[in-house]
Full PDB file with SEQRES, HELIX, SHEET, SSBOND, CRYST1, ORIGX, SCALE, CONECT and MASTER records, all heavy atoms in Angstrom:
SEQRES   1 A   32  LEU GLU ILE THR GLU LEU PHE MET GLU ILE GLU ARG ASN          
SEQRES   2 A   32  ALA ILE GLY LEU ILE LEU LEU MET GLY LEU ILE GLN VAL          
SEQRES   3 A   32  THR LYS ASP LYS GLU ILE                                      
HELIX    1 AA1 GLU A    2  VAL A   26  1                                  25    
CRYST1    1.000    1.000    1.000  90.00  90.00  90.00 P 1           1          
ORIGX1      1.000000  0.000000  0.000000        0.00000                         
ORIGX2      0.000000  1.000000  0.000000        0.00000                         
ORIGX3      0.000000  0.000000  1.000000        0.00000                         
SCALE1      1.000000  0.000000  0.000000        0.00000                         
SCALE2      0.000000  1.000000  0.000000        0.00000                         
SCALE3      0.000000  0.000000  1.000000        0.00000                         
ATOM      1  N   LEU A   1     194.189  56.100-270.208  1.00  0.00           N  
ATOM      2  CA  LEU A   1     195.371  55.245-270.085  1.00  0.00           C  
ATOM      3  C   LEU A   1     194.998  53.887-269.535  1.00  0.00           C  
ATOM      4  O   LEU A   1     195.535  52.861-269.985  1.00  0.00           O  
ATOM      5  CB  LEU A   1     196.406  55.920-269.202  1.00  0.00           C  
ATOM      6  CG  LEU A   1     197.206  57.086-269.832  1.00  0.00           C  
ATOM      7  CD1 LEU A   1     198.058  57.759-268.781  1.00  0.00           C  
ATOM      8  CD2 LEU A   1     198.044  56.571-270.979  1.00  0.00           C  
ATOM      9  N   GLU A   2     194.138  53.845-268.543  1.00  0.00           N  
ATOM     10  CA  GLU A   2     193.730  52.556-267.964  1.00  0.00           C  
ATOM     11  C   GLU A   2     192.992  51.695-268.956  1.00  0.00           C  
ATOM     12  O   GLU A   2     193.273  50.467-269.073  1.00  0.00           O  
ATOM     13  CB  GLU A   2     192.861  52.834-266.739  1.00  0.00           C  
ATOM     14  CG  GLU A   2     193.620  53.455-265.594  1.00  0.00           C  
ATOM     15  CD  GLU A   2     192.738  54.067-264.525  1.00  0.00           C  
ATOM     16  OE1 GLU A   2     191.549  54.323-264.780  1.00  0.00           O  
ATOM     17  OE2 GLU A   2     193.246  54.301-263.419  1.00  0.00           O  
ATOM     18  N   ILE A   3     192.110  52.315-269.732  1.00  0.00           N  
ATOM     19  CA  ILE A   3     191.392  51.550-270.798  1.00  0.00           C  
ATOM     20  C   ILE A   3     192.357  51.013-271.827  1.00  0.00           C  
ATOM     21  O   ILE A   3     192.280  49.850-272.237  1.00  0.00           O  
ATOM     22  CB  ILE A   3     190.315  52.429-271.451  1.00  0.00           C  
ATOM     23  CG1 ILE A   3     189.210  52.756-270.442  1.00  0.00           C  
ATOM     24  CG2 ILE A   3     189.770  51.750-272.693  1.00  0.00           C  
ATOM     25  CD1 ILE A   3     188.255  53.818-270.911  1.00  0.00           C  
ATOM     26  N   THR A   4     193.299  51.848-272.219  1.00  0.00           N  
ATOM     27  CA  THR A   4     194.296  51.447-273.233  1.00  0.00           C  
ATOM     28  C   THR A   4     195.101  50.245-272.734  1.00  0.00           C  
ATOM     29  O   THR A   4     195.325  49.279-273.471  1.00  0.00           O  
ATOM     30  CB  THR A   4     195.230  52.610-273.567  1.00  0.00           C  
ATOM     31  OG1 THR A   4     194.453  53.693-274.075  1.00  0.00           O  
ATOM     32  CG2 THR A   4     196.272  52.222-274.584  1.00  0.00           C  
ATOM     33  N   GLU A   5     195.538  50.306-271.503  1.00  0.00           N  
ATOM     34  CA  GLU A   5     196.376  49.229-270.972  1.00  0.00           C  
ATOM     35  C   GLU A   5     195.591  47.947-270.825  1.00  0.00           C  
ATOM     36  O   GLU A   5     196.088  46.839-271.130  1.00  0.00           O  
ATOM     37  CB  GLU A   5     197.000  49.613-269.630  1.00  0.00           C  
ATOM     38  CG  GLU A   5     198.097  50.699-269.756  1.00  0.00           C  
ATOM     39  CD  GLU A   5     199.286  50.281-270.633  1.00  0.00           C  
ATOM     40  OE1 GLU A   5     199.574  49.079-270.772  1.00  0.00           O  
ATOM     41  OE2 GLU A   5     199.923  51.188-271.167  1.00  0.00           O  
ATOM     42  N   LEU A   6     194.351  48.043-270.386  1.00  0.00           N  
ATOM     43  CA  LEU A   6     193.510  46.856-270.325  1.00  0.00           C  
ATOM     44  C   LEU A   6     193.316  46.204-271.698  1.00  0.00           C  
ATOM     45  O   LEU A   6     193.441  44.977-271.841  1.00  0.00           O  
ATOM     46  CB  LEU A   6     192.150  47.166-269.693  1.00  0.00           C  
ATOM     47  CG  LEU A   6     192.142  47.493-268.197  1.00  0.00           C  
ATOM     48  CD1 LEU A   6     190.807  48.078-267.757  1.00  0.00           C  
ATOM     49  CD2 LEU A   6     192.474  46.250-267.364  1.00  0.00           C  
ATOM     50  N   PHE A   7     193.037  47.054-272.668  1.00  0.00           N  
ATOM     51  CA  PHE A   7     192.848  46.539-274.050  1.00  0.00           C  
ATOM     52  C   PHE A   7     194.132  45.889-274.542  1.00  0.00           C  
ATOM     53  O   PHE A   7     194.103  44.807-275.130  1.00  0.00           O  
ATOM     54  CB  PHE A   7     192.437  47.684-274.963  1.00  0.00           C  
ATOM     55  CG  PHE A   7     192.356  47.264-276.417  1.00  0.00           C  
ATOM     56  CD1 PHE A   7     191.287  46.516-276.859  1.00  0.00           C  
ATOM     57  CD2 PHE A   7     193.369  47.606-277.305  1.00  0.00           C  
ATOM     58  CE1 PHE A   7     191.218  46.128-278.178  1.00  0.00           C  
ATOM     59  CE2 PHE A   7     193.303  47.199-278.623  1.00  0.00           C  
ATOM     60  CZ  PHE A   7     192.230  46.476-279.084  1.00  0.00           C  
ATOM     61  N   MET A   8     195.287  46.535-274.303  1.00  0.00           N  
ATOM     62  CA  MET A   8     196.547  45.974-274.790  1.00  0.00           C  
ATOM     63  C   MET A   8     196.918  44.666-274.103  1.00  0.00           C  
ATOM     64  O   MET A   8     197.457  43.794-274.714  1.00  0.00           O  
ATOM     65  CB  MET A   8     197.694  47.006-274.625  1.00  0.00           C  
ATOM     66  CG  MET A   8     197.530  48.228-275.539  1.00  0.00           C  
ATOM     67  SD  MET A   8     197.254  47.838-277.282  1.00  0.00           S  
ATOM     68  CE  MET A   8     198.731  46.949-277.696  1.00  0.00           C  
ATOM     69  N   GLU A   9     196.558  44.531-272.830  1.00  0.00           N  
ATOM     70  CA  GLU A   9     196.802  43.276-272.132  1.00  0.00           C  
ATOM     71  C   GLU A   9     195.976  42.148-272.741  1.00  0.00           C  
ATOM     72  O   GLU A   9     196.425  41.018-272.902  1.00  0.00           O  
ATOM     73  CB  GLU A   9     196.511  43.388-270.622  1.00  0.00           C  
ATOM     74  CG  GLU A   9     197.544  44.205-269.866  1.00  0.00           C  
ATOM     75  CD  GLU A   9     198.953  43.707-270.004  1.00  0.00           C  
ATOM     76  OE1 GLU A   9     199.185  42.493-270.111  1.00  0.00           O  
ATOM     77  OE2 GLU A   9     199.875  44.541-270.024  1.00  0.00           O  
ATOM     78  N   ILE A  10     194.728  42.465-273.092  1.00  0.00           N  
ATOM     79  CA  ILE A  10     193.861  41.474-273.767  1.00  0.00           C  
ATOM     80  C   ILE A  10     194.501  41.100-275.107  1.00  0.00           C  
ATOM     81  O   ILE A  10     194.567  39.908-275.463  1.00  0.00           O  
ATOM     82  CB  ILE A  10     192.447  42.014-273.927  1.00  0.00           C  
ATOM     83  CG1 ILE A  10     191.784  42.166-272.556  1.00  0.00           C  
ATOM     84  CG2 ILE A  10     191.618  41.115-274.865  1.00  0.00           C  
ATOM     85  CD1 ILE A  10     190.471  42.925-272.580  1.00  0.00           C  
ATOM     86  N   GLU A  11     194.915  42.073-275.870  1.00  0.00           N  
ATOM     87  CA  GLU A  11     195.507  41.817-277.199  1.00  0.00           C  
ATOM     88  C   GLU A  11     196.766  40.948-277.098  1.00  0.00           C  
ATOM     89  O   GLU A  11     196.930  39.980-277.814  1.00  0.00           O  
ATOM     90  CB  GLU A  11     195.867  43.123-277.888  1.00  0.00           C  
ATOM     91  CG  GLU A  11     194.692  43.893-278.372  1.00  0.00           C  
ATOM     92  CD  GLU A  11     194.013  43.277-279.586  1.00  0.00           C  
ATOM     93  OE1 GLU A  11     194.641  43.189-280.657  1.00  0.00           O  
ATOM     94  OE2 GLU A  11     192.865  42.843-279.412  1.00  0.00           O  
ATOM     95  N   ARG A  12     197.657  41.315-276.161  1.00  0.00           N  
ATOM     96  CA  ARG A  12     198.918  40.548-275.993  1.00  0.00           C  
ATOM     97  C   ARG A  12     198.616  39.118-275.622  1.00  0.00           C  
ATOM     98  O   ARG A  12     199.265  38.194-276.099  1.00  0.00           O  
ATOM     99  CB  ARG A  12     199.819  41.214-274.964  1.00  0.00           C  
ATOM    100  CG  ARG A  12     200.598  42.404-275.475  1.00  0.00           C  
ATOM    101  CD  ARG A  12     201.622  42.889-274.464  1.00  0.00           C  
ATOM    102  NE  ARG A  12     201.026  43.724-273.425  1.00  0.00           N  
ATOM    103  CZ  ARG A  12     200.854  45.024-273.484  1.00  0.00           C  
ATOM    104  NH1 ARG A  12     201.182  45.676-274.565  1.00  0.00           N  
ATOM    105  NH2 ARG A  12     200.345  45.682-272.479  1.00  0.00           N  
ATOM    106  N   ASN A  13     197.662  38.917-274.707  1.00  0.00           N  
ATOM    107  CA  ASN A  13     197.359  37.580-274.273  1.00  0.00           C  
ATOM    108  C   ASN A  13     196.642  36.778-275.360  1.00  0.00           C  
ATOM    109  O   ASN A  13     196.787  35.571-275.458  1.00  0.00           O  
ATOM    110  CB  ASN A  13     196.540  37.579-272.991  1.00  0.00           C  
ATOM    111  CG  ASN A  13     197.439  37.783-271.792  1.00  0.00           C  
ATOM    112  OD1 ASN A  13     198.119  36.869-271.370  1.00  0.00           O  
ATOM    113  ND2 ASN A  13     197.477  38.996-271.252  1.00  0.00           N  
ATOM    114  N   ALA A  14     195.867  37.440-276.218  1.00  0.00           N  
ATOM    115  CA  ALA A  14     195.222  36.778-277.316  1.00  0.00           C  
ATOM    116  C   ALA A  14     196.263  36.243-278.305  1.00  0.00           C  
ATOM    117  O   ALA A  14     196.176  35.084-278.787  1.00  0.00           O  
ATOM    118  CB  ALA A  14     194.254  37.706-278.026  1.00  0.00           C  
ATOM    119  N   ILE A  15     197.296  37.053-278.561  1.00  0.00           N  
ATOM    120  CA  ILE A  15     198.384  36.628-279.449  1.00  0.00           C  
ATOM    121  C   ILE A  15     199.124  35.472-278.769  1.00  0.00           C  
ATOM    122  O   ILE A  15     199.465  34.469-279.430  1.00  0.00           O  
ATOM    123  CB  ILE A  15     199.321  37.800-279.751  1.00  0.00           C  
ATOM    124  CG1 ILE A  15     198.603  38.817-280.624  1.00  0.00           C  
ATOM    125  CG2 ILE A  15     200.626  37.307-280.427  1.00  0.00           C  
ATOM    126  CD1 ILE A  15     199.343  40.161-280.712  1.00  0.00           C  
ATOM    127  N   GLY A  16     199.362  35.555-277.465  1.00  0.00           N  
ATOM    128  CA  GLY A  16     200.004  34.464-276.722  1.00  0.00           C  
ATOM    129  C   GLY A  16     199.208  33.199-276.771  1.00  0.00           C  
ATOM    130  O   GLY A  16     199.776  32.086-276.897  1.00  0.00           O  
ATOM    131  N   LEU A  17     197.884  33.297-276.701  1.00  0.00           N  
ATOM    132  CA  LEU A  17     197.010  32.115-276.788  1.00  0.00           C  
ATOM    133  C   LEU A  17     197.196  31.425-278.127  1.00  0.00           C  
ATOM    134  O   LEU A  17     197.271  30.185-278.202  1.00  0.00           O  
ATOM    135  CB  LEU A  17     195.557  32.495-276.564  1.00  0.00           C  
ATOM    136  CG  LEU A  17     195.096  32.631-275.147  1.00  0.00           C  
ATOM    137  CD1 LEU A  17     193.734  33.271-275.064  1.00  0.00           C  
ATOM    138  CD2 LEU A  17     195.111  31.281-274.448  1.00  0.00           C  
ATOM    139  N   ILE A  18     197.204  32.202-279.175  1.00  0.00           N  
ATOM    140  CA  ILE A  18     197.337  31.651-280.516  1.00  0.00           C  
ATOM    141  C   ILE A  18     198.692  30.935-280.663  1.00  0.00           C  
ATOM    142  O   ILE A  18     198.772  29.813-281.156  1.00  0.00           O  
ATOM    143  CB  ILE A  18     197.177  32.731-281.586  1.00  0.00           C  
ATOM    144  CG1 ILE A  18     195.717  33.234-281.570  1.00  0.00           C  
ATOM    145  CG2 ILE A  18     197.560  32.236-282.978  1.00  0.00           C  
ATOM    146  CD1 ILE A  18     195.508  34.552-282.294  1.00  0.00           C  
ATOM    147  N   LEU A  19     199.742  31.598-280.166  1.00  0.00           N  
ATOM    148  CA  LEU A  19     201.083  30.981-280.190  1.00  0.00           C  
ATOM    149  C   LEU A  19     201.097  29.681-279.397  1.00  0.00           C  
ATOM    150  O   LEU A  19     201.569  28.634-279.873  1.00  0.00           O  
ATOM    151  CB  LEU A  19     202.110  31.969-279.627  1.00  0.00           C  
ATOM    152  CG  LEU A  19     203.550  31.440-279.485  1.00  0.00           C  
ATOM    153  CD1 LEU A  19     204.133  31.085-280.847  1.00  0.00           C  
ATOM    154  CD2 LEU A  19     204.413  32.468-278.749  1.00  0.00           C  
ATOM    155  N   LEU A  20     200.578  29.718-278.183  1.00  0.00           N  
ATOM    156  CA  LEU A  20     200.529  28.533-277.341  1.00  0.00           C  
ATOM    157  C   LEU A  20     199.735  27.384-277.935  1.00  0.00           C  
ATOM    158  O   LEU A  20     200.144  26.219-277.854  1.00  0.00           O  
ATOM    159  CB  LEU A  20     200.035  28.895-275.934  1.00  0.00           C  
ATOM    160  CG  LEU A  20     201.015  29.658-275.060  1.00  0.00           C  
ATOM    161  CD1 LEU A  20     200.328  30.295-273.855  1.00  0.00           C  
ATOM    162  CD2 LEU A  20     202.148  28.755-274.589  1.00  0.00           C  
ATOM    163  N   MET A  21     198.640  27.710-278.546  1.00  0.00           N  
ATOM    164  CA  MET A  21     197.792  26.661-279.195  1.00  0.00           C  
ATOM    165  C   MET A  21     198.622  25.929-280.231  1.00  0.00           C  
ATOM    166  O   MET A  21     198.580  24.688-280.316  1.00  0.00           O  
ATOM    167  CB  MET A  21     196.519  27.267-279.809  1.00  0.00           C  
ATOM    168  CG  MET A  21     195.531  27.676-278.794  1.00  0.00           C  
ATOM    169  SD  MET A  21     194.174  28.696-279.460  1.00  0.00           S  
ATOM    170  CE  MET A  21     193.537  27.654-280.751  1.00  0.00           C  
ATOM    171  N   GLY A  22     199.367  26.659-281.054  1.00  0.00           N  
ATOM    172  CA  GLY A  22     200.170  26.053-282.060  1.00  0.00           C  
ATOM    173  C   GLY A  22     201.328  25.246-281.495  1.00  0.00           C  
ATOM    174  O   GLY A  22     201.620  24.129-281.967  1.00  0.00           O  
ATOM    175  N   LEU A  23     201.955  25.767-280.460  1.00  0.00           N  
ATOM    176  CA  LEU A  23     203.082  25.077-279.855  1.00  0.00           C  
ATOM    177  C   LEU A  23     202.669  23.842-279.101  1.00  0.00           C  
ATOM    178  O   LEU A  23     203.386  22.818-279.090  1.00  0.00           O  
ATOM    179  CB  LEU A  23     203.862  26.024-278.942  1.00  0.00           C  
ATOM    180  CG  LEU A  23     204.561  27.217-279.636  1.00  0.00           C  
ATOM    181  CD1 LEU A  23     205.186  28.140-278.584  1.00  0.00           C  
ATOM    182  CD2 LEU A  23     205.557  26.761-280.651  1.00  0.00           C  
ATOM    183  N   ILE A  24     201.506  23.887-278.468  1.00  0.00           N  
ATOM    184  CA  ILE A  24     201.012  22.706-277.730  1.00  0.00           C  
ATOM    185  C   ILE A  24     200.827  21.529-278.639  1.00  0.00           C  
ATOM    186  O   ILE A  24     201.175  20.395-278.289  1.00  0.00           O  
ATOM    187  CB  ILE A  24     199.717  23.070-276.972  1.00  0.00           C  
ATOM    188  CG1 ILE A  24     200.031  23.985-275.775  1.00  0.00           C  
ATOM    189  CG2 ILE A  24     198.973  21.827-276.503  1.00  0.00           C  
ATOM    190  CD1 ILE A  24     198.805  24.670-275.155  1.00  0.00           C  
ATOM    191  N   GLN A  25     200.269  21.752-279.797  1.00  0.00           N  
ATOM    192  CA  GLN A  25     199.969  20.637-280.694  1.00  0.00           C  
ATOM    193  C   GLN A  25     201.206  20.043-281.368  1.00  0.00           C  
ATOM    194  O   GLN A  25     201.125  18.917-281.854  1.00  0.00           O  
ATOM    195  CB  GLN A  25     198.916  21.007-281.715  1.00  0.00           C  
ATOM    196  CG  GLN A  25     199.365  21.902-282.822  1.00  0.00           C  
ATOM    197  CD  GLN A  25     198.209  22.323-283.712  1.00  0.00           C  
ATOM    198  OE1 GLN A  25     197.062  22.391-283.281  1.00  0.00           O  
ATOM    199  NE2 GLN A  25     198.515  22.611-284.956  1.00  0.00           N  
ATOM    200  N   VAL A  26     202.357  20.737-281.355  1.00  0.00           N  
ATOM    201  CA  VAL A  26     203.536  20.185-281.977  1.00  0.00           C  
ATOM    202  C   VAL A  26     204.564  19.667-280.951  1.00  0.00           C  
ATOM    203  O   VAL A  26     205.551  19.058-281.351  1.00  0.00           O  
ATOM    204  CB  VAL A  26     204.223  21.218-282.922  1.00  0.00           C  
ATOM    205  CG1 VAL A  26     203.286  21.622-284.032  1.00  0.00           C  
ATOM    206  CG2 VAL A  26     204.755  22.401-282.165  1.00  0.00           C  
ATOM    207  N   THR A  27     204.349  19.921-279.708  1.00  0.00           N  
ATOM    208  CA  THR A  27     205.296  19.528-278.657  1.00  0.00           C  
ATOM    209  C   THR A  27     205.101  18.065-278.269  1.00  0.00           C  
ATOM    210  O   THR A  27     203.992  17.616-277.989  1.00  0.00           O  
ATOM    211  CB  THR A  27     205.140  20.420-277.399  1.00  0.00           C  
ATOM    212  OG1 THR A  27     205.330  21.783-277.811  1.00  0.00           O  
ATOM    213  CG2 THR A  27     206.126  20.060-276.338  1.00  0.00           C  
ATOM    214  N   LYS A  28     206.184  17.308-278.285  1.00  0.00           N  
ATOM    215  CA  LYS A  28     206.137  15.900-277.947  1.00  0.00           C  
ATOM    216  C   LYS A  28     206.429  15.637-276.463  1.00  0.00           C  
ATOM    217  O   LYS A  28     205.867  14.708-275.864  1.00  0.00           O  
ATOM    218  CB  LYS A  28     207.136  15.125-278.815  1.00  0.00           C  
ATOM    219  CG  LYS A  28     206.975  15.342-280.278  1.00  0.00           C  
ATOM    220  CD  LYS A  28     205.731  14.696-280.846  1.00  0.00           C  
ATOM    221  CE  LYS A  28     205.674  14.833-282.319  1.00  0.00           C  
ATOM    222  NZ  LYS A  28     204.550  15.544-282.840  1.00  0.00           N  
ATOM    223  N   ASP A  29     207.331  16.430-275.898  1.00  0.00           N  
ATOM    224  CA  ASP A  29     207.737  16.277-274.490  1.00  0.00           C  
ATOM    225  C   ASP A  29     206.531  16.586-273.583  1.00  0.00           C  
ATOM    226  O   ASP A  29     206.005  17.699-273.599  1.00  0.00           O  
ATOM    227  CB  ASP A  29     208.888  17.225-274.190  1.00  0.00           C  
ATOM    228  CG  ASP A  29     209.479  17.089-272.803  1.00  0.00           C  
ATOM    229  OD1 ASP A  29     208.708  17.003-271.822  1.00  0.00           O  
ATOM    230  OD2 ASP A  29     210.725  17.106-272.672  1.00  0.00           O  
ATOM    231  N   LYS A  30     206.098  15.589-272.778  1.00  0.00           N  
ATOM    232  CA  LYS A  30     204.928  15.743-271.918  1.00  0.00           C  
ATOM    233  C   LYS A  30     205.077  16.868-270.893  1.00  0.00           C  
ATOM    234  O   LYS A  30     204.138  17.621-270.627  1.00  0.00           O  
ATOM    235  CB  LYS A  30     204.625  14.425-271.170  1.00  0.00           C  
ATOM    236  CG  LYS A  30     204.217  13.306-272.072  1.00  0.00           C  
ATOM    237  CD  LYS A  30     202.740  13.155-272.044  1.00  0.00           C  
ATOM    238  CE  LYS A  30     202.357  11.869-272.754  1.00  0.00           C  
ATOM    239  NZ  LYS A  30     201.280  12.065-273.667  1.00  0.00           N  
ATOM    240  N   GLU A  31     206.261  16.985-270.322  1.00  0.00           N  
ATOM    241  CA  GLU A  31     206.512  17.986-269.298  1.00  0.00           C  
ATOM    242  C   GLU A  31     206.405  19.393-269.910  1.00  0.00           C  
ATOM    243  O   GLU A  31     205.795  20.294-269.318  1.00  0.00           O  
ATOM    244  CB  GLU A  31     207.855  17.781-268.650  1.00  0.00           C  
ATOM    245  CG  GLU A  31     208.049  18.509-267.351  1.00  0.00           C  
ATOM    246  CD  GLU A  31     209.339  18.135-266.628  1.00  0.00           C  
ATOM    247  OE1 GLU A  31     210.224  17.443-267.225  1.00  0.00           O  
ATOM    248  OE2 GLU A  31     209.484  18.592-265.482  1.00  0.00           O  
ATOM    249  N   ILE A  32     206.980  19.596-271.088  1.00  0.00           N  
ATOM    250  CA  ILE A  32     206.881  20.862-271.761  1.00  0.00           C  
ATOM    251  C   ILE A  32     205.447  21.151-272.193  1.00  0.00           C  
ATOM    252  O   ILE A  32     204.932  22.250-272.037  1.00  0.00           O  
ATOM    253  CB  ILE A  32     207.842  20.933-272.958  1.00  0.00           C  
ATOM    254  CG1 ILE A  32     209.301  20.867-272.456  1.00  0.00           C  
ATOM    255  CG2 ILE A  32     207.611  22.198-273.793  1.00  0.00           C  
ATOM    256  CD1 ILE A  32     210.337  20.788-273.580  1.00  0.00           C  
TER     257      ILE A  32                                                      
MASTER        0    0    0    1    0    0    0    6  256    1    0    3          
END                                                                             
């Protein structure tokens, strides 16, 4: 269970990184 949760946290954050990379490059508002 511990291995599974560690792996899933890596997977979720990898997806989040991809999403954030795309959103960062299209966002105009400096604060956002």
